[in-house]
């Protein structure tokens, strides 16, 4: 079961979980996807056709996950069958009224 807390400003804390994956629901919505490892952290920067973006980062072991979004929606899925306390994130283009968020 995914447990998280959300602050008044919309930040979501998933620190008790290990990230197991980040995916895109509809690959045709993606304009660009950059992956790089910097100082041992895995970084994904995904740009969507609607001008939205998903920026994620985590340590090599899946801990210390952070995520910033603009004009996208996402689901957080329980993946504890694969990894204890594991979660994955699935992103897709959001309707125009969606607001930016930061996930830590």
N, C-alpha and C. Protein backbone atom coordinates (compact mmCIF):
# COMPACT_ATOMS: atom_id res chain seq x y z
N UNK A 1 0.84 -1.18 0.00
CA UNK A 1 0.00 0.00 0.00
C UNK A 1 0.89 1.24 0.00
N UNK A 2 0.56 2.19 -0.85
CA UNK A 2 1.32 3.43 -0.95
C UNK A 2 0.83 4.40 0.12
N UNK A 3 1.76 4.85 0.96
CA UNK A 3 1.46 5.86 1.96
C UNK A 3 2.28 7.09 1.66
N UNK A 4 1.64 8.24 1.64
CA UNK A 4 2.37 9.47 1.42
C UNK A 4 1.68 10.59 2.17
N UNK A 5 2.40 11.68 2.36
CA UNK A 5 1.81 12.87 2.96
C UNK A 5 1.88 14.00 1.95
N UNK A 6 0.91 14.89 2.02
CA UNK A 6 0.89 16.05 1.13
C UNK A 6 0.83 17.31 1.98
N UNK A 7 1.75 18.23 1.70
CA UNK A 7 1.77 19.49 2.42
C UNK A 7 0.73 20.45 1.84
N UNK A 8 0.49 21.56 2.52
CA UNK A 8 -0.50 22.54 2.06
C UNK A 8 -0.14 23.12 0.69
N UNK A 9 1.16 23.17 0.37
CA UNK A 9 1.58 23.73 -0.92
C UNK A 9 1.63 22.69 -2.04
N UNK A 10 1.18 21.47 -1.76
CA UNK A 10 1.08 20.44 -2.79
C UNK A 10 2.26 19.49 -2.90
N UNK A 11 3.29 19.65 -2.05
CA UNK A 11 4.43 18.73 -2.08
C UNK A 11 4.02 17.38 -1.51
N UNK A 12 4.42 16.33 -2.19
CA UNK A 12 4.09 14.97 -1.76
C UNK A 12 5.37 14.30 -1.29
N UNK A 13 5.31 13.70 -0.10
CA UNK A 13 6.47 13.03 0.49
C UNK A 13 6.29 11.52 0.36
N UNK A 14 7.19 10.90 -0.43
CA UNK A 14 7.21 9.44 -0.60
C UNK A 14 8.48 8.85 0.00
N UNK A 15 9.07 9.52 0.97
CA UNK A 15 10.39 9.13 1.48
C UNK A 15 10.42 7.74 2.12
N UNK A 16 9.27 7.20 2.50
CA UNK A 16 9.24 5.86 3.09
C UNK A 16 9.23 4.76 2.03
N UNK A 17 9.26 5.17 0.76
CA UNK A 17 9.17 4.23 -0.34
C UNK A 17 10.44 4.24 -1.20
N UNK A 18 10.61 3.18 -1.96
CA UNK A 18 11.70 3.06 -2.93
C UNK A 18 11.09 3.14 -4.32
N UNK A 19 11.61 4.02 -5.16
CA UNK A 19 11.08 4.15 -6.51
C UNK A 19 11.55 2.96 -7.35
N UNK A 20 10.62 2.32 -8.04
CA UNK A 20 10.97 1.16 -8.87
C UNK A 20 10.84 1.48 -10.35
N UNK A 21 10.16 2.57 -10.69
CA UNK A 21 10.04 2.91 -12.09
C UNK A 21 9.25 4.17 -12.32
N UNK A 22 9.54 4.79 -13.45
CA UNK A 22 8.80 5.96 -13.93
C UNK A 22 8.42 5.65 -15.37
N UNK A 23 7.15 5.81 -15.70
CA UNK A 23 6.71 5.49 -17.04
C UNK A 23 5.83 6.57 -17.63
N UNK A 24 5.58 6.47 -18.92
CA UNK A 24 4.70 7.38 -19.64
C UNK A 24 3.56 6.54 -20.20
N UNK A 25 2.35 6.96 -19.89
CA UNK A 25 1.16 6.20 -20.30
C UNK A 25 1.01 6.13 -21.81
N UNK A 26 1.29 7.24 -22.51
CA UNK A 26 1.13 7.28 -23.96
C UNK A 26 2.40 7.88 -24.56
N UNK A 27 3.26 7.06 -25.10
CA UNK A 27 4.56 7.51 -25.61
C UNK A 27 4.42 8.55 -26.72
N UNK A 28 3.29 8.58 -27.42
CA UNK A 28 3.10 9.57 -28.48
C UNK A 28 2.96 10.99 -27.93
N UNK A 29 2.75 11.13 -26.62
CA UNK A 29 2.65 12.45 -25.98
C UNK A 29 4.03 13.04 -25.67
N UNK A 30 5.09 12.24 -25.82
CA UNK A 30 6.44 12.68 -25.44
C UNK A 30 7.14 13.38 -26.60
N UNK A 31 7.67 14.55 -26.31
CA UNK A 31 8.45 15.32 -27.27
C UNK A 31 9.94 15.02 -27.13
N UNK A 32 10.41 14.88 -25.88
CA UNK A 32 11.83 14.62 -25.63
C UNK A 32 11.98 13.93 -24.27
N UNK A 33 12.97 13.01 -24.17
CA UNK A 33 13.26 12.32 -22.92
C UNK A 33 14.77 12.24 -22.76
N UNK A 34 15.27 12.92 -21.74
CA UNK A 34 16.70 12.91 -21.44
C UNK A 34 16.93 12.14 -20.16
N UNK A 35 17.95 11.27 -20.16
CA UNK A 35 18.33 10.51 -18.97
C UNK A 35 19.80 10.75 -18.73
N UNK A 36 20.14 11.08 -17.49
CA UNK A 36 21.55 11.26 -17.14
C UNK A 36 21.75 10.86 -15.69
N UNK A 37 22.98 10.48 -15.37
CA UNK A 37 23.37 10.17 -14.00
C UNK A 37 24.37 11.23 -13.58
N UNK A 38 24.05 11.93 -12.50
CA UNK A 38 24.90 13.00 -11.98
C UNK A 38 25.13 12.76 -10.50
N UNK A 39 26.39 12.64 -10.11
CA UNK A 39 26.74 12.41 -8.70
C UNK A 39 25.97 11.23 -8.11
N UNK A 40 25.79 10.17 -8.89
CA UNK A 40 25.14 8.96 -8.40
C UNK A 40 23.62 9.01 -8.42
N UNK A 41 23.04 10.11 -8.88
CA UNK A 41 21.58 10.24 -8.96
C UNK A 41 21.12 10.06 -10.40
N UNK A 42 20.05 9.31 -10.57
CA UNK A 42 19.45 9.09 -11.88
C UNK A 42 18.44 10.20 -12.12
N UNK A 43 18.57 10.91 -13.23
CA UNK A 43 17.69 12.03 -13.57
C UNK A 43 16.98 11.75 -14.89
N UNK A 44 15.66 11.91 -14.88
CA UNK A 44 14.85 11.82 -16.10
C UNK A 44 14.19 13.16 -16.31
N UNK A 45 14.31 13.71 -17.51
CA UNK A 45 13.64 14.95 -17.89
C UNK A 45 12.82 14.65 -19.13
N UNK A 46 11.51 14.64 -18.95
CA UNK A 46 10.60 14.29 -20.03
C UNK A 46 9.77 15.52 -20.39
N UNK A 47 9.80 15.91 -21.67
CA UNK A 47 9.00 17.02 -22.17
C UNK A 47 7.84 16.44 -22.97
N UNK A 48 6.65 16.99 -22.74
CA UNK A 48 5.45 16.52 -23.41
C UNK A 48 5.04 17.49 -24.52
N UNK A 49 4.27 16.99 -25.47
CA UNK A 49 3.83 17.80 -26.62
C UNK A 49 3.00 19.00 -26.21
N UNK A 50 2.31 18.93 -25.08
CA UNK A 50 1.45 20.03 -24.63
C UNK A 50 2.24 21.11 -23.88
N UNK A 51 3.57 20.99 -23.84
CA UNK A 51 4.39 21.95 -23.11
C UNK A 51 4.65 21.56 -21.67
N UNK A 52 4.08 20.48 -21.24
CA UNK A 52 4.28 20.00 -19.87
C UNK A 52 5.62 19.29 -19.74
N UNK A 53 6.00 19.04 -18.47
CA UNK A 53 7.24 18.29 -18.24
C UNK A 53 7.16 17.48 -16.95
N UNK A 54 8.01 16.49 -16.89
CA UNK A 54 8.20 15.64 -15.72
C UNK A 54 9.69 15.55 -15.49
N UNK A 55 10.15 16.01 -14.34
CA UNK A 55 11.56 15.89 -13.96
C UNK A 55 11.62 15.03 -12.71
N UNK A 56 12.32 13.91 -12.79
CA UNK A 56 12.46 13.02 -11.64
C UNK A 56 13.93 12.77 -11.36
N UNK A 57 14.21 12.44 -10.10
CA UNK A 57 15.57 12.16 -9.68
C UNK A 57 15.53 11.23 -8.49
N UNK A 58 16.48 10.28 -8.43
CA UNK A 58 16.58 9.40 -7.27
C UNK A 58 17.99 8.84 -7.19
N UNK A 59 18.35 8.37 -6.00
CA UNK A 59 19.65 7.72 -5.81
C UNK A 59 19.64 6.37 -6.50
N UNK A 60 20.83 5.84 -6.77
CA UNK A 60 20.96 4.57 -7.51
C UNK A 60 20.17 3.44 -6.86
N UNK A 61 19.99 3.47 -5.54
CA UNK A 61 19.26 2.41 -4.85
C UNK A 61 17.74 2.66 -4.81
N UNK A 62 17.28 3.73 -5.47
CA UNK A 62 15.84 4.03 -5.52
C UNK A 62 15.35 4.92 -4.40
N UNK A 63 16.23 5.34 -3.52
CA UNK A 63 15.82 6.20 -2.40
C UNK A 63 15.92 7.67 -2.78
N UNK A 64 15.43 8.52 -1.91
CA UNK A 64 15.49 9.98 -2.07
C UNK A 64 14.88 10.46 -3.39
N UNK A 65 13.70 9.96 -3.69
CA UNK A 65 12.99 10.28 -4.92
C UNK A 65 12.43 11.69 -4.87
N UNK A 66 12.63 12.47 -5.94
CA UNK A 66 12.00 13.77 -6.08
C UNK A 66 11.38 13.85 -7.47
N UNK A 67 10.33 14.66 -7.59
CA UNK A 67 9.65 14.81 -8.86
C UNK A 67 9.05 16.20 -8.95
N UNK A 68 9.22 16.84 -10.10
CA UNK A 68 8.59 18.12 -10.39
C UNK A 68 7.80 17.96 -11.67
N UNK A 69 6.62 18.57 -11.70
CA UNK A 69 5.76 18.43 -12.87
C UNK A 69 5.19 19.78 -13.29
N UNK A 70 4.81 19.83 -14.55
CA UNK A 70 4.06 20.97 -15.08
C UNK A 70 3.16 20.45 -16.19
N UNK A 71 1.88 20.72 -16.09
CA UNK A 71 0.90 20.35 -17.11
C UNK A 71 0.87 18.86 -17.42
N UNK A 72 1.11 18.03 -16.40
CA UNK A 72 0.93 16.59 -16.57
C UNK A 72 0.12 16.07 -15.39
N UNK A 73 -0.42 14.90 -15.54
CA UNK A 73 -1.05 14.16 -14.45
C UNK A 73 -0.23 12.92 -14.22
N UNK A 74 -0.37 12.31 -13.05
CA UNK A 74 0.38 11.09 -12.77
C UNK A 74 -0.36 10.24 -11.76
N UNK A 75 -0.06 8.95 -11.79
CA UNK A 75 -0.55 8.03 -10.78
C UNK A 75 0.65 7.44 -10.06
N UNK A 76 0.46 7.16 -8.79
CA UNK A 76 1.48 6.51 -7.96
C UNK A 76 0.98 5.11 -7.69
N UNK A 77 1.75 4.11 -8.08
CA UNK A 77 1.32 2.71 -8.00
C UNK A 77 2.16 1.93 -6.99
N UNK A 78 1.49 1.07 -6.25
CA UNK A 78 2.16 0.19 -5.30
C UNK A 78 2.94 -0.87 -6.07
N UNK A 79 4.23 -1.00 -5.78
CA UNK A 79 5.07 -2.02 -6.41
C UNK A 79 5.80 -2.83 -5.34
N UNK A 80 5.16 -2.98 -4.18
CA UNK A 80 5.80 -3.68 -3.06
C UNK A 80 5.94 -5.18 -3.32
N UNK A 81 5.29 -5.70 -4.36
CA UNK A 81 5.48 -7.11 -4.72
C UNK A 81 6.88 -7.32 -5.30
N UNK A 82 7.44 -6.28 -5.92
CA UNK A 82 8.79 -6.36 -6.51
C UNK A 82 9.87 -5.97 -5.51
N UNK A 83 9.62 -4.89 -4.76
CA UNK A 83 10.60 -4.33 -3.82
C UNK A 83 9.83 -3.91 -2.58
N UNK A 84 10.30 -4.25 -1.39
CA UNK A 84 9.60 -3.80 -0.19
C UNK A 84 9.42 -2.28 -0.22
N UNK A 85 8.20 -1.83 0.04
CA UNK A 85 7.84 -0.41 0.02
C UNK A 85 8.07 0.24 -1.34
N UNK A 86 8.05 -0.53 -2.41
CA UNK A 86 8.29 -0.01 -3.76
C UNK A 86 7.07 0.70 -4.33
N UNK A 87 7.35 1.76 -5.10
CA UNK A 87 6.31 2.49 -5.81
C UNK A 87 6.80 2.83 -7.21
N UNK A 88 5.87 2.94 -8.14
CA UNK A 88 6.19 3.41 -9.49
C UNK A 88 5.26 4.57 -9.82
N UNK A 89 5.68 5.40 -10.78
CA UNK A 89 4.91 6.56 -11.18
C UNK A 89 4.63 6.45 -12.68
N UNK A 90 3.37 6.72 -13.06
CA UNK A 90 2.97 6.73 -14.46
C UNK A 90 2.47 8.13 -14.79
N UNK A 91 3.05 8.76 -15.83
CA UNK A 91 2.73 10.15 -16.19
C UNK A 91 2.00 10.22 -17.52
N UNK A 92 1.18 11.25 -17.69
CA UNK A 92 0.48 11.49 -18.95
C UNK A 92 0.09 12.96 -19.03
N UNK A 93 -0.17 13.45 -20.25
CA UNK A 93 -0.55 14.84 -20.44
C UNK A 93 -1.80 15.16 -19.65
N UNK A 94 -1.81 16.35 -19.06
CA UNK A 94 -2.93 16.76 -18.22
C UNK A 94 -3.84 17.71 -18.97
N UNK A 95 -5.07 17.80 -18.50
CA UNK A 95 -5.96 18.83 -19.05
C UNK A 95 -5.38 20.21 -18.77
N UNK A 96 -5.79 21.21 -19.48
CA UNK A 96 -5.26 22.57 -19.36
C UNK A 96 -5.31 23.13 -17.95
N UNK A 97 -6.27 22.75 -17.11
CA UNK A 97 -6.42 23.34 -15.78
C UNK A 97 -5.47 22.72 -14.74
N UNK A 98 -4.67 21.73 -15.09
CA UNK A 98 -3.77 21.10 -14.13
C UNK A 98 -2.73 22.09 -13.63
N UNK A 99 -2.39 22.00 -12.34
CA UNK A 99 -1.43 22.92 -11.72
C UNK A 99 -0.09 22.22 -11.51
N UNK A 100 1.02 22.98 -11.50
CA UNK A 100 2.34 22.41 -11.24
C UNK A 100 2.40 21.80 -9.84
N UNK A 101 3.26 20.80 -9.67
CA UNK A 101 3.46 20.22 -8.34
C UNK A 101 4.89 19.78 -8.19
N UNK A 102 5.29 19.58 -6.95
CA UNK A 102 6.61 19.08 -6.63
C UNK A 102 6.44 17.87 -5.74
N UNK A 103 7.12 16.78 -6.06
CA UNK A 103 7.02 15.54 -5.30
C UNK A 103 8.38 15.24 -4.72
N UNK A 104 8.45 15.05 -3.40
CA UNK A 104 9.72 14.76 -2.74
C UNK A 104 9.57 13.59 -1.80
